[in-house]
Amino acid sequence: MSGFLNELTGSLIGLAKACKMNIRQTAVTRLLMEGLITTIADAGFDDQALSDMLLRVRREKDRIAPGCAVCKSVCGNTSDYDIKNIWTADEDIRFLKYLILSSIKGIAVYALPALVKGDQNEKISEFFYKALSIISYDLTMEDLLPVAEEAAKMNLICKEAFHISETEDSNLKNFIIIPDYESMEKLITPNILAILGEDHKIFLIPMPEEDLRKVTEKLTTFN
């Protein structure tokens, strides 16, 4: 996997954290969505596109928190996140953090076109900042599970507000549409599978290829 992909993902997390004490701006929310879509492995963006997006994200973070760029006493509050920390974590934590990250990539695919048209859902927009920031924290499985549940709620809001593609089972109440379904299948543990299926009733749904293709084809025209 491209090193730029991991760098970009870590920088998006840093940007989200930098906004913690600042007013949420629509332009920043849009950049987070665009960046997340660019990091989808199957979206087809090359290293140059990833590098260009990485530069945009870092410039935006410097604009929002200019003091952090020159601060000699690094506190970590706005630092880019090292994605390698996800892969070295306990397997249940690893899956849940990757699930949260993958879920907001999927949500971005549906929310970005609506945002571009001026149809912004505040709950969904706020969730991007929350989910990205939480990935960087050293949390327990019990801390992360409610965020996965919230991701399922955001998917339902997307379905109702943005008319996303019907799931195979339209009766599902808690589902997460994810663009990298095969990767999630490889990471899921029996423990997490039991918790999500029995206690939380969250179903993972692969994202239709045509939905991802439509938004990636338009992404350059959004800018």
C-alpha atoms as a PDB file:
ATOM      1  CA  MET A   1       0.000   0.000   0.000  1.00  0.00           C
ATOM      2  CA  SER A   2       1.240   3.461  -0.883  1.00  0.00           C
ATOM      3  CA  GLY A   3       3.050   5.323   1.871  1.00  0.00           C
ATOM      4  CA  PHE A   4       1.201   8.444   0.757  1.00  0.00           C
ATOM      5  CA  LEU A   5      -2.100   6.735   1.610  1.00  0.00           C
ATOM      6  CA  ASN A   6      -1.069   6.207   5.224  1.00  0.00           C
ATOM      7  CA  GLU A   7       0.414   9.700   5.447  1.00  0.00           C
ATOM      8  CA  LEU A   8      -2.734  11.265   4.053  1.00  0.00           C
ATOM      9  CA  THR A   9      -4.968   9.334   6.439  1.00  0.00           C
ATOM     10  CA  GLY A  10      -2.814  10.383   9.383  1.00  0.00           C
ATOM     11  CA  SER A  11      -2.897  14.015   8.245  1.00  0.00           C
ATOM     12  CA  LEU A  12      -6.686  13.964   7.916  1.00  0.00           C
ATOM     13  CA  ILE A  13      -6.825  12.849  11.541  1.00  0.00           C
ATOM     14  CA  GLY A  14      -4.477  15.686  12.489  1.00  0.00           C
ATOM     15  CA  LEU A  15      -6.678  18.193  10.652  1.00  0.00           C
ATOM     16  CA  ALA A  16      -9.793  16.937  12.414  1.00  0.00           C
ATOM     17  CA  LYS A  17      -8.076  17.292  15.791  1.00  0.00           C
ATOM     18  CA  ALA A  18      -6.871  20.784  14.912  1.00  0.00           C
ATOM     19  CA  CYS A  19     -10.510  21.790  14.475  1.00  0.00           C
ATOM     20  CA  LYS A  20     -11.412  20.675  18.004  1.00  0.00           C
ATOM     21  CA  MET A  21     -11.156  24.178  19.425  1.00  0.00           C
ATOM     22  CA  ASN A  22     -12.095  25.996  16.227  1.00  0.00           C
ATOM     23  CA  ILE A  23     -15.386  26.684  14.481  1.00  0.00           C
ATOM     24  CA  ARG A  24     -16.280  23.946  12.021  1.00  0.00           C
ATOM     25  CA  GLN A  25     -16.073  25.328   8.504  1.00  0.00           C
ATOM     26  CA  THR A  26     -17.876  23.812   5.541  1.00  0.00           C
ATOM     27  CA  ALA A  27     -14.721  24.051   3.422  1.00  0.00           C
ATOM     28  CA  VAL A  28     -12.789  21.983   5.989  1.00  0.00           C
ATOM     29  CA  THR A  29     -15.552  19.390   6.228  1.00  0.00           C
ATOM     30  CA  ARG A  30     -15.527  19.112   2.452  1.00  0.00           C
ATOM     31  CA  LEU A  31     -11.754  18.676   2.423  1.00  0.00           C
ATOM     32  CA  LEU A  32     -12.032  15.890   5.011  1.00  0.00           C
ATOM     33  CA  MET A  33     -14.601  14.125   2.819  1.00  0.00           C
ATOM     34  CA  GLU A  34     -12.528  14.541  -0.333  1.00  0.00           C
ATOM     35  CA  GLY A  35      -9.414  13.313   1.454  1.00  0.00           C
ATOM     36  CA  LEU A  36     -11.158  10.254   2.859  1.00  0.00           C
ATOM     37  CA  ILE A  37     -12.491   9.295  -0.576  1.00  0.00           C
ATOM     38  CA  THR A  38      -8.998   9.708  -2.020  1.00  0.00           C
ATOM     39  CA  THR A  39      -7.692   7.149   0.504  1.00  0.00           C
ATOM     40  CA  ILE A  40     -10.124   4.418  -0.593  1.00  0.00           C
ATOM     41  CA  ALA A  41      -7.870   1.710  -2.004  1.00  0.00           C
ATOM     42  CA  ASP A  42     -10.273   0.747  -4.803  1.00  0.00           C
ATOM     43  CA  ALA A  43     -10.888   4.347  -5.876  1.00  0.00           C
ATOM     44  CA  GLY A  44      -7.890   4.287  -8.203  1.00  0.00           C
ATOM     45  CA  PHE A  45      -6.049   7.437  -7.132  1.00  0.00           C
ATOM     46  CA  ASP A  46      -2.317   7.357  -7.876  1.00  0.00           C
ATOM     47  CA  ASP A  47       0.567   8.546  -5.712  1.00  0.00           C
ATOM     48  CA  GLN A  48       0.535  12.000  -7.315  1.00  0.00           C
ATOM     49  CA  ALA A  49      -3.141  12.501  -6.427  1.00  0.00           C
ATOM     50  CA  LEU A  50      -2.473  11.325  -2.877  1.00  0.00           C
ATOM     51  CA  SER A  51       0.553  13.629  -2.616  1.00  0.00           C
ATOM     52  CA  ASP A  52      -1.448  16.618  -3.896  1.00  0.00           C
ATOM     53  CA  MET A  53      -4.252  15.946  -1.416  1.00  0.00           C
ATOM     54  CA  LEU A  54      -1.733  15.524   1.408  1.00  0.00           C
ATOM     55  CA  LEU A  55      -0.328  18.978   0.626  1.00  0.00           C
ATOM     56  CA  ARG A  56      -3.827  20.510   0.662  1.00  0.00           C
ATOM     57  CA  VAL A  57      -4.637  18.938   4.027  1.00  0.00           C
ATOM     58  CA  ARG A  58      -1.396  20.064   5.645  1.00  0.00           C
ATOM     59  CA  ARG A  59      -1.788  23.593   4.346  1.00  0.00           C
ATOM     60  CA  GLU A  60      -5.309  23.737   5.726  1.00  0.00           C
ATOM     61  CA  LYS A  61      -4.182  22.536   9.138  1.00  0.00           C
ATOM     62  CA  ASP A  62      -1.446  25.185   9.197  1.00  0.00           C
ATOM     63  CA  ARG A  63      -4.062  27.804   8.335  1.00  0.00           C
ATOM     64  CA  ILE A  64      -6.399  26.692  11.130  1.00  0.00           C
ATOM     65  CA  ALA A  65      -3.706  26.199  13.775  1.00  0.00           C
ATOM     66  CA  PRO A  66      -0.735  28.309  12.601  1.00  0.00           C
ATOM     67  CA  GLY A  67       0.911  28.293  15.996  1.00  0.00           C
ATOM     68  CA  CYS A  68       1.221  24.515  16.022  1.00  0.00           C
ATOM     69  CA  ALA A  69       3.415  24.531  12.921  1.00  0.00           C
ATOM     70  CA  VAL A  70       6.164  26.502  14.690  1.00  0.00           C
ATOM     71  CA  CYS A  71       5.576  25.410  18.284  1.00  0.00           C
ATOM     72  CA  LYS A  72       8.680  23.970  19.956  1.00  0.00           C
ATOM     73  CA  SER A  73       6.695  22.255  22.730  1.00  0.00           C
ATOM     74  CA  VAL A  74       4.728  19.677  20.773  1.00  0.00           C
ATOM     75  CA  CYS A  75       1.648  18.599  22.751  1.00  0.00           C
ATOM     76  CA  GLY A  76       0.283  16.203  20.145  1.00  0.00           C
ATOM     77  CA  ASN A  77      -3.175  17.767  20.091  1.00  0.00           C
ATOM     78  CA  THR A  78      -2.965  18.519  16.379  1.00  0.00           C
ATOM     79  CA  SER A  79      -0.218  16.110  15.353  1.00  0.00           C
ATOM     80  CA  ASP A  80      -0.664  13.805  12.396  1.00  0.00           C
ATOM     81  CA  TYR A  81      -1.495  10.256  13.476  1.00  0.00           C
ATOM     82  CA  ASP A  82       0.776   7.328  12.717  1.00  0.00           C
ATOM     83  CA  ILE A  83      -1.535   4.775  11.077  1.00  0.00           C
ATOM     84  CA  LYS A  84       0.917   2.026  11.995  1.00  0.00           C
ATOM     85  CA  ASN A  85      -0.470   2.284  15.533  1.00  0.00           C
ATOM     86  CA  ILE A  86      -3.707   0.711  14.299  1.00  0.00           C
ATOM     87  CA  TRP A  87      -1.922  -2.345  12.944  1.00  0.00           C
ATOM     88  CA  THR A  88       0.116  -2.914  16.116  1.00  0.00           C
ATOM     89  CA  ALA A  89      -2.929  -2.698  18.409  1.00  0.00           C
ATOM     90  CA  ASP A  90      -4.859  -5.617  19.890  1.00  0.00           C
ATOM     91  CA  GLU A  91      -6.788  -7.404  17.125  1.00  0.00           C
ATOM     92  CA  ASP A  92     -10.219  -6.325  18.425  1.00  0.00           C
ATOM     93  CA  ILE A  93      -9.102  -2.685  18.738  1.00  0.00           C
ATOM     94  CA  ARG A  94      -7.482  -2.921  15.312  1.00  0.00           C
ATOM     95  CA  PHE A  95     -10.719  -4.090  13.725  1.00  0.00           C
ATOM     96  CA  LEU A  96     -12.913  -1.492  15.426  1.00  0.00           C
ATOM     97  CA  LYS A  97     -10.626   1.416  14.531  1.00  0.00           C
ATOM     98  CA  TYR A  98     -10.381   0.210  10.955  1.00  0.00           C
ATOM     99  CA  LEU A  99     -14.148  -0.243  10.880  1.00  0.00           C
ATOM    100  CA  ILE A 100     -14.711   3.333  12.051  1.00  0.00           C
ATOM    101  CA  LEU A 101     -12.212   4.639   9.497  1.00  0.00           C
ATOM    102  CA  SER A 102     -13.735   2.600   6.687  1.00  0.00           C
ATOM    103  CA  SER A 103     -17.257   3.627   7.673  1.00  0.00           C
ATOM    104  CA  ILE A 104     -16.534   7.352   7.347  1.00  0.00           C
ATOM    105  CA  LYS A 105     -14.931   6.748   3.965  1.00  0.00           C
ATOM    106  CA  GLY A 106     -18.193   5.151   2.875  1.00  0.00           C
ATOM    107  CA  ILE A 107     -20.266   7.949   4.386  1.00  0.00           C
ATOM    108  CA  ALA A 108     -18.097  10.517   2.577  1.00  0.00           C
ATOM    109  CA  VAL A 109     -18.930   8.940  -0.777  1.00  0.00           C
ATOM    110  CA  TYR A 110     -22.602   9.783  -0.260  1.00  0.00           C
ATOM    111  CA  ALA A 111     -22.272  12.984   1.751  1.00  0.00           C
ATOM    112  CA  LEU A 112     -19.788  14.822  -0.493  1.00  0.00           C
ATOM    113  CA  PRO A 113     -22.019  15.190  -3.577  1.00  0.00           C
ATOM    114  CA  ALA A 114     -24.816  16.451  -1.331  1.00  0.00           C
ATOM    115  CA  LEU A 115     -22.478  18.924   0.385  1.00  0.00           C
ATOM    116  CA  VAL A 116     -21.312  20.232  -2.979  1.00  0.00           C
ATOM    117  CA  LYS A 117     -24.947  20.919  -3.857  1.00  0.00           C
ATOM    118  CA  GLY A 118     -25.382  22.833  -0.588  1.00  0.00           C
ATOM    119  CA  ASP A 119     -27.184  20.031   1.259  1.00  0.00           C
ATOM    120  CA  GLN A 120     -25.136  19.613   4.429  1.00  0.00           C
ATOM    121  CA  ASN A 121     -26.331  17.407   7.269  1.00  0.00           C
ATOM    122  CA  GLU A 122     -24.844  18.747  10.503  1.00  0.00           C
ATOM    123  CA  LYS A 123     -24.952  15.405  12.329  1.00  0.00           C
ATOM    124  CA  ILE A 124     -23.039  13.677   9.558  1.00  0.00           C
ATOM    125  CA  SER A 125     -20.538  16.517   9.214  1.00  0.00           C
ATOM    126  CA  GLU A 126     -19.818  16.522  12.948  1.00  0.00           C
ATOM    127  CA  PHE A 127     -19.326  12.753  12.927  1.00  0.00           C
ATOM    128  CA  PHE A 128     -16.325  13.052  10.594  1.00  0.00           C
ATOM    129  CA  TYR A 129     -14.457  15.142  13.181  1.00  0.00           C
ATOM    130  CA  LYS A 130     -15.453  12.858  16.041  1.00  0.00           C
ATOM    131  CA  ALA A 131     -14.628   9.589  14.297  1.00  0.00           C
ATOM    132  CA  LEU A 132     -11.276  10.739  12.929  1.00  0.00           C
ATOM    133  CA  SER A 133     -10.189  12.115  16.301  1.00  0.00           C
ATOM    134  CA  ILE A 134     -11.238   8.996  18.212  1.00  0.00           C
ATOM    135  CA  ILE A 135      -9.090   6.787  15.988  1.00  0.00           C
ATOM    136  CA  SER A 136      -6.018   8.539  17.402  1.00  0.00           C
ATOM    137  CA  TYR A 137      -6.940   7.939  21.038  1.00  0.00           C
ATOM    138  CA  ASP A 138      -5.830   5.001  23.158  1.00  0.00           C
ATOM    139  CA  LEU A 139      -9.297   3.624  23.893  1.00  0.00           C
ATOM    140  CA  THR A 140     -10.810   0.300  24.936  1.00  0.00           C
ATOM    141  CA  MET A 141     -13.158  -1.895  22.951  1.00  0.00           C
ATOM    142  CA  GLU A 142     -16.008  -0.655  25.156  1.00  0.00           C
ATOM    143  CA  ASP A 143     -15.143   2.921  24.191  1.00  0.00           C
ATOM    144  CA  LEU A 144     -15.035   2.191  20.463  1.00  0.00           C
ATOM    145  CA  LEU A 145     -18.189   0.089  20.114  1.00  0.00           C
ATOM    146  CA  PRO A 146     -20.582   3.053  20.641  1.00  0.00           C
ATOM    147  CA  VAL A 147     -18.767   4.899  17.850  1.00  0.00           C
ATOM    148  CA  ALA A 148     -19.345   1.922  15.547  1.00  0.00           C
ATOM    149  CA  GLU A 149     -23.028   2.067  16.510  1.00  0.00           C
ATOM    150  CA  GLU A 150     -23.076   5.766  15.736  1.00  0.00           C
ATOM    151  CA  ALA A 151     -21.551   5.028  12.335  1.00  0.00           C
ATOM    152  CA  ALA A 152     -24.484   2.734  11.635  1.00  0.00           C
ATOM    153  CA  LYS A 153     -26.869   5.565  12.540  1.00  0.00           C
ATOM    154  CA  MET A 154     -25.025   7.890  10.160  1.00  0.00           C
ATOM    155  CA  ASN A 155     -25.457   5.330   7.380  1.00  0.00           C
ATOM    156  CA  LEU A 156     -29.191   5.302   8.003  1.00  0.00           C
ATOM    157  CA  ILE A 157     -29.290   9.104   7.861  1.00  0.00           C
ATOM    158  CA  CYS A 158     -27.391   8.941   4.554  1.00  0.00           C
ATOM    159  CA  LYS A 159     -29.862   6.430   3.169  1.00  0.00           C
ATOM    160  CA  GLU A 160     -32.840   8.582   4.077  1.00  0.00           C
ATOM    161  CA  ALA A 161     -31.377  11.990   3.237  1.00  0.00           C
ATOM    162  CA  PHE A 162     -29.157  11.300   0.258  1.00  0.00           C
ATOM    163  CA  HIS A 163     -31.059   8.417  -1.391  1.00  0.00           C
ATOM    164  CA  ILE A 164     -28.181   5.970  -1.353  1.00  0.00           C
ATOM    165  CA  SER A 165     -28.421   2.612  -3.060  1.00  0.00           C
ATOM    166  CA  GLU A 166     -30.738   0.095  -1.458  1.00  0.00           C
ATOM    167  CA  THR A 167     -29.051  -2.561   0.635  1.00  0.00           C
ATOM    168  CA  GLU A 168     -29.673  -6.221  -0.143  1.00  0.00           C
ATOM    169  CA  ASP A 169     -32.007  -6.347   2.820  1.00  0.00           C
ATOM    170  CA  SER A 170     -33.933  -3.085   2.999  1.00  0.00           C
ATOM    171  CA  ASN A 171     -35.209  -4.055   6.455  1.00  0.00           C
ATOM    172  CA  LEU A 172     -31.776  -3.687   8.050  1.00  0.00           C
ATOM    173  CA  LYS A 173     -31.860  -1.007  10.736  1.00  0.00           C
ATOM    174  CA  ASN A 174     -28.179  -0.879  11.696  1.00  0.00           C
ATOM    175  CA  PHE A 175     -25.807  -1.258   8.793  1.00  0.00           C
ATOM    176  CA  ILE A 176     -22.449   0.153   7.737  1.00  0.00           C
ATOM    177  CA  ILE A 177     -21.682   0.504   4.041  1.00  0.00           C
ATOM    178  CA  ILE A 178     -17.936   0.085   3.586  1.00  0.00           C
ATOM    179  CA  PRO A 179     -15.794   0.431   0.455  1.00  0.00           C
ATOM    180  CA  ASP A 180     -13.188  -2.164   1.462  1.00  0.00           C
ATOM    181  CA  TYR A 181     -15.433  -5.031   2.469  1.00  0.00           C
ATOM    182  CA  GLU A 182     -12.933  -7.815   1.712  1.00  0.00           C
ATOM    183  CA  SER A 183     -10.325  -6.230   3.991  1.00  0.00           C
ATOM    184  CA  MET A 184     -12.856  -5.987   6.810  1.00  0.00           C
ATOM    185  CA  GLU A 185     -13.751  -9.665   6.407  1.00  0.00           C
ATOM    186  CA  LYS A 186     -10.105 -10.596   6.875  1.00  0.00           C
ATOM    187  CA  LEU A 187      -9.742  -8.492  10.017  1.00  0.00           C
ATOM    188  CA  ILE A 188     -12.940  -9.370  11.860  1.00  0.00           C
ATOM    189  CA  THR A 189     -12.470 -11.568  14.912  1.00  0.00           C
ATOM    190  CA  PRO A 190     -14.945 -14.121  16.305  1.00  0.00           C
ATOM    191  CA  ASN A 191     -15.258 -11.999  19.429  1.00  0.00           C
ATOM    192  CA  ILE A 192     -16.176  -8.836  17.506  1.00  0.00           C
ATOM    193  CA  LEU A 193     -18.438 -10.760  15.148  1.00  0.00           C
ATOM    194  CA  ALA A 194     -20.430 -12.046  18.105  1.00  0.00           C
ATOM    195  CA  ILE A 195     -20.653  -8.618  19.734  1.00  0.00           C
ATOM    196  CA  LEU A 196     -21.730  -6.801  16.571  1.00  0.00           C
ATOM    197  CA  GLY A 197     -24.186  -9.505  15.586  1.00  0.00           C
ATOM    198  CA  GLU A 198     -25.798 -10.313  18.927  1.00  0.00           C
ATOM    199  CA  ASP A 199     -25.441  -7.275  21.173  1.00  0.00           C
ATOM    200  CA  HIS A 200     -25.298  -4.473  18.646  1.00  0.00           C
ATOM    201  CA  LYS A 201     -26.967  -5.938  15.535  1.00  0.00           C
ATOM    202  CA  ILE A 202     -24.646  -4.112  13.134  1.00  0.00           C
ATOM    203  CA  PHE A 203     -24.386  -5.501   9.614  1.00  0.00           C
ATOM    204  CA  LEU A 204     -21.513  -4.710   7.266  1.00  0.00           C
ATOM    205  CA  ILE A 205     -22.601  -4.064   3.676  1.00  0.00           C
ATOM    206  CA  PRO A 206     -20.153  -3.798   0.735  1.00  0.00           C
ATOM    207  CA  MET A 207     -20.392  -0.511  -1.141  1.00  0.00           C
ATOM    208  CA  PRO A 208     -21.771  -0.846  -4.682  1.00  0.00           C
ATOM    209  CA  GLU A 209     -18.923  -0.311  -7.152  1.00  0.00           C
ATOM    210  CA  GLU A 210     -21.043   2.039  -9.242  1.00  0.00           C
ATOM    211  CA  ASP A 211     -21.567   4.384  -6.270  1.00  0.00           C
ATOM    212  CA  LEU A 212     -17.816   4.690  -5.702  1.00  0.00           C
ATOM    213  CA  ARG A 213     -17.170   5.117  -9.424  1.00  0.00           C
ATOM    214  CA  LYS A 214     -19.694   7.938  -9.764  1.00  0.00           C
ATOM    215  CA  VAL A 215     -18.223  10.065  -6.992  1.00  0.00           C
ATOM    216  CA  THR A 216     -14.561   9.422  -7.878  1.00  0.00           C
ATOM    217  CA  GLU A 217     -15.241  10.439 -11.479  1.00  0.00           C
ATOM    218  CA  LYS A 218     -16.753  13.702 -10.218  1.00  0.00           C
ATOM    219  CA  LEU A 219     -14.193  14.401  -7.495  1.00  0.00           C
ATOM    220  CA  THR A 220     -11.906  16.385  -9.796  1.00  0.00           C
ATOM    221  CA  THR A 221     -14.825  18.534 -10.937  1.00  0.00           C
ATOM    222  CA  PHE A 222     -15.747  19.308  -7.315  1.00  0.00           C
ATOM    223  CA  ASN A 223     -12.465  21.125  -6.715  1.00  0.00           C
END
